[in-house]
Amino acid sequence: MATVYLLHFNKKVAGHAGHYLGFTNRKLEQRLRDHRSKTDGASLTRALIQNGGDFRVAATMKFDCPYKARAMERFLKNRKNHSQLCPICKAIKKGQPAMVNKKRFTNDVVCALILP
């Protein structure tokens, strides 16, 4: 089982990055521990943690095939619109409480991304 996941940062990194989109073929909890450590994980999440920030899992998408998960991660990363995928950001824009955690990407979101 492989997972594509979207992290929502509680503060911007380097003044602009508010999200991280990633992939893991391990348990998501293990990968999140890596991201929260100051020595492992992606450089973006390391910078966030080292500067006193934190993150939440905003959305996940599970795949049986790691190759399909990696392809979806690359596709979504290349679109460079993580905030548009983020249910937390959408709730904040609508003035609603951002109580979303571990919400799955919906088929509507994925179709909206793929279709012009």
C-alpha atoms as a PDB file:
ATOM      1  CA  MET A   1       0.000   0.000   0.000  1.00  0.00           C
ATOM      2  CA  ALA A   2       1.307   3.458  -0.907  1.00  0.00           C
ATOM      3  CA  THR A   3      -0.004   6.856   0.140  1.00  0.00           C
ATOM      4  CA  VAL A   4       0.103  10.316  -1.377  1.00  0.00           C
ATOM      5  CA  TYR A   5      -0.408  12.917   1.339  1.00  0.00           C
ATOM      6  CA  LEU A   6      -0.796  16.669   1.681  1.00  0.00           C
ATOM      7  CA  LEU A   7       0.595  18.477   4.729  1.00  0.00           C
ATOM      8  CA  HIS A   8      -0.763  21.883   5.757  1.00  0.00           C
ATOM      9  CA  PHE A   9       1.772  24.087   7.585  1.00  0.00           C
ATOM     10  CA  ASN A  10       0.732  26.279  10.510  1.00  0.00           C
ATOM     11  CA  LYS A  11       3.068  28.986   9.171  1.00  0.00           C
ATOM     12  CA  LYS A  12       4.776  29.727   5.876  1.00  0.00           C
ATOM     13  CA  VAL A  13       8.303  28.483   5.209  1.00  0.00           C
ATOM     14  CA  ALA A  14      10.629  30.985   3.547  1.00  0.00           C
ATOM     15  CA  GLY A  15       7.673  33.345   3.283  1.00  0.00           C
ATOM     16  CA  HIS A  16       5.789  31.321   0.679  1.00  0.00           C
ATOM     17  CA  ALA A  17       5.502  27.547   1.192  1.00  0.00           C
ATOM     18  CA  GLY A  18       2.419  26.567   3.168  1.00  0.00           C
ATOM     19  CA  HIS A  19       2.082  22.935   2.110  1.00  0.00           C
ATOM     20  CA  TYR A  20       4.049  19.806   1.330  1.00  0.00           C
ATOM     21  CA  LEU A  21       2.849  17.063  -0.991  1.00  0.00           C
ATOM     22  CA  GLY A  22       4.536  13.716  -0.522  1.00  0.00           C
ATOM     23  CA  PHE A  23       4.488   9.995  -1.139  1.00  0.00           C
ATOM     24  CA  THR A  24       5.347   7.022   1.030  1.00  0.00           C
ATOM     25  CA  ASN A  25       5.176   3.270   0.648  1.00  0.00           C
ATOM     26  CA  ARG A  26       5.663   2.854   4.409  1.00  0.00           C
ATOM     27  CA  LYS A  27       3.103   3.534   7.128  1.00  0.00           C
ATOM     28  CA  LEU A  28       2.130   7.201   6.976  1.00  0.00           C
ATOM     29  CA  GLU A  29       2.770   7.601  10.710  1.00  0.00           C
ATOM     30  CA  GLN A  30       6.410   6.560  10.211  1.00  0.00           C
ATOM     31  CA  ARG A  31       6.881   9.078   7.419  1.00  0.00           C
ATOM     32  CA  LEU A  32       5.300  11.827   9.510  1.00  0.00           C
ATOM     33  CA  ARG A  33       7.768  11.067  12.315  1.00  0.00           C
ATOM     34  CA  ASP A  34      10.562  11.542   9.766  1.00  0.00           C
ATOM     35  CA  HIS A  35       9.102  14.896   8.741  1.00  0.00           C
ATOM     36  CA  ARG A  36       8.817  16.028  12.371  1.00  0.00           C
ATOM     37  CA  SER A  37      12.435  15.192  13.163  1.00  0.00           C
ATOM     38  CA  LYS A  38      15.046  17.883  12.689  1.00  0.00           C
ATOM     39  CA  THR A  39      17.363  15.561  10.761  1.00  0.00           C
ATOM     40  CA  ASP A  40      15.151  13.376   8.540  1.00  0.00           C
ATOM     41  CA  GLY A  41      12.284  14.090   6.183  1.00  0.00           C
ATOM     42  CA  ALA A  42      12.083  16.610   3.364  1.00  0.00           C
ATOM     43  CA  SER A  43      14.178  19.760   3.570  1.00  0.00           C
ATOM     44  CA  LEU A  44      11.007  21.890   3.507  1.00  0.00           C
ATOM     45  CA  THR A  45       9.489  20.172   6.546  1.00  0.00           C
ATOM     46  CA  ARG A  46      12.871  20.190   8.330  1.00  0.00           C
ATOM     47  CA  ALA A  47      13.046  23.971   7.832  1.00  0.00           C
ATOM     48  CA  LEU A  48       9.498  24.318   9.174  1.00  0.00           C
ATOM     49  CA  ILE A  49      10.229  22.258  12.297  1.00  0.00           C
ATOM     50  CA  GLN A  50      13.593  23.938  12.926  1.00  0.00           C
ATOM     51  CA  ASN A  51      11.837  27.328  12.880  1.00  0.00           C
ATOM     52  CA  GLY A  52       9.219  26.272  15.415  1.00  0.00           C
ATOM     53  CA  GLY A  53       6.452  25.439  12.946  1.00  0.00           C
ATOM     54  CA  ASP A  54       4.244  22.380  12.721  1.00  0.00           C
ATOM     55  CA  PHE A  55       1.951  20.692  10.206  1.00  0.00           C
ATOM     56  CA  ARG A  56      -1.255  18.700   9.939  1.00  0.00           C
ATOM     57  CA  VAL A  57      -2.233  16.010   7.485  1.00  0.00           C
ATOM     58  CA  ALA A  58      -4.795  17.726   5.288  1.00  0.00           C
ATOM     59  CA  ALA A  59      -5.566  14.910   2.843  1.00  0.00           C
ATOM     60  CA  THR A  60      -4.451  11.441   1.813  1.00  0.00           C
ATOM     61  CA  MET A  61      -4.894   9.201  -1.198  1.00  0.00           C
ATOM     62  CA  LYS A  62      -4.135   5.464  -0.985  1.00  0.00           C
ATOM     63  CA  PHE A  63      -2.943   3.258  -3.839  1.00  0.00           C
ATOM     64  CA  ASP A  64      -2.373  -0.474  -4.164  1.00  0.00           C
ATOM     65  CA  CYS A  65       0.475   0.161  -6.579  1.00  0.00           C
ATOM     66  CA  PRO A  66       3.429   2.349  -5.502  1.00  0.00           C
ATOM     67  CA  TYR A  67       4.143   3.275  -9.133  1.00  0.00           C
ATOM     68  CA  LYS A  68       0.654   4.745  -9.518  1.00  0.00           C
ATOM     69  CA  ALA A  69       1.042   6.618  -6.232  1.00  0.00           C
ATOM     70  CA  ARG A  70       4.381   8.071  -7.331  1.00  0.00           C
ATOM     71  CA  ALA A  71       2.885   9.073 -10.691  1.00  0.00           C
ATOM     72  CA  MET A  72      -0.014  10.856  -8.939  1.00  0.00           C
ATOM     73  CA  GLU A  73       2.394  12.615  -6.582  1.00  0.00           C
ATOM     74  CA  ARG A  74       4.478  13.862  -9.524  1.00  0.00           C
ATOM     75  CA  PHE A  75       1.340  14.953 -11.384  1.00  0.00           C
ATOM     76  CA  LEU A  76       0.025  16.914  -8.402  1.00  0.00           C
ATOM     77  CA  LYS A  77       3.418  18.438  -7.567  1.00  0.00           C
ATOM     78  CA  ASN A  78       3.874  19.626 -11.148  1.00  0.00           C
ATOM     79  CA  ARG A  79       0.552  21.492 -10.954  1.00  0.00           C
ATOM     80  CA  LYS A  80       1.970  23.666  -8.136  1.00  0.00           C
ATOM     81  CA  ASN A  81      -1.442  24.382  -6.630  1.00  0.00           C
ATOM     82  CA  HIS A  82      -1.308  22.648  -3.258  1.00  0.00           C
ATOM     83  CA  SER A  83      -3.441  25.274  -1.517  1.00  0.00           C
ATOM     84  CA  GLN A  84      -6.265  24.587  -3.987  1.00  0.00           C
ATOM     85  CA  LEU A  85      -6.159  20.910  -2.967  1.00  0.00           C
ATOM     86  CA  CYS A  86      -6.103  21.647   0.754  1.00  0.00           C
ATOM     87  CA  PRO A  87      -9.434  21.203   2.572  1.00  0.00           C
ATOM     88  CA  ILE A  88      -8.054  23.228   5.504  1.00  0.00           C
ATOM     89  CA  CYS A  89      -7.328  26.226   3.254  1.00  0.00           C
ATOM     90  CA  LYS A  90     -10.741  25.875   1.612  1.00  0.00           C
ATOM     91  CA  ALA A  91     -12.443  25.944   5.027  1.00  0.00           C
ATOM     92  CA  ILE A  92     -10.442  28.997   6.087  1.00  0.00           C
ATOM     93  CA  LYS A  93     -11.378  30.840   2.862  1.00  0.00           C
ATOM     94  CA  LYS A  94     -15.050  30.122   3.539  1.00  0.00           C
ATOM     95  CA  GLY A  95     -14.697  31.376   7.108  1.00  0.00           C
ATOM     96  CA  GLN A  96     -15.360  27.929   8.553  1.00  0.00           C
ATOM     97  CA  PRO A  97     -13.346  26.235  11.285  1.00  0.00           C
ATOM     98  CA  ALA A  98     -10.412  24.280   9.877  1.00  0.00           C
ATOM     99  CA  MET A  99     -11.238  21.011  11.588  1.00  0.00           C
ATOM    100  CA  VAL A 100     -10.266  18.778   8.690  1.00  0.00           C
ATOM    101  CA  ASN A 101      -7.659  16.152   9.459  1.00  0.00           C
ATOM    102  CA  LYS A 102      -6.663  13.158   7.337  1.00  0.00           C
ATOM    103  CA  LYS A 103      -9.440  13.871   4.855  1.00  0.00           C
ATOM    104  CA  ARG A 104      -9.117  11.908   1.663  1.00  0.00           C
ATOM    105  CA  PHE A 105      -8.725  13.541  -1.686  1.00  0.00           C
ATOM    106  CA  THR A 106     -12.134  13.185  -3.283  1.00  0.00           C
ATOM    107  CA  ASN A 107     -12.751  11.919  -6.798  1.00  0.00           C
ATOM    108  CA  ASP A 108     -14.141  15.373  -7.613  1.00  0.00           C
ATOM    109  CA  VAL A 109     -10.825  16.982  -6.628  1.00  0.00           C
ATOM    110  CA  VAL A 110      -8.815  14.493  -8.662  1.00  0.00           C
ATOM    111  CA  CYS A 111     -11.077  14.867 -11.708  1.00  0.00           C
ATOM    112  CA  ALA A 112     -10.920  18.643 -11.455  1.00  0.00           C
ATOM    113  CA  LEU A 113      -7.148  18.398 -11.501  1.00  0.00           C
ATOM    114  CA  ILE A 114      -6.979  16.107 -14.489  1.00  0.00           C
ATOM    115  CA  LEU A 115      -9.701  17.606 -16.633  1.00  0.00           C
ATOM    116  CA  PRO A 116      -9.153  21.102 -18.107  1.00  0.00           C
END
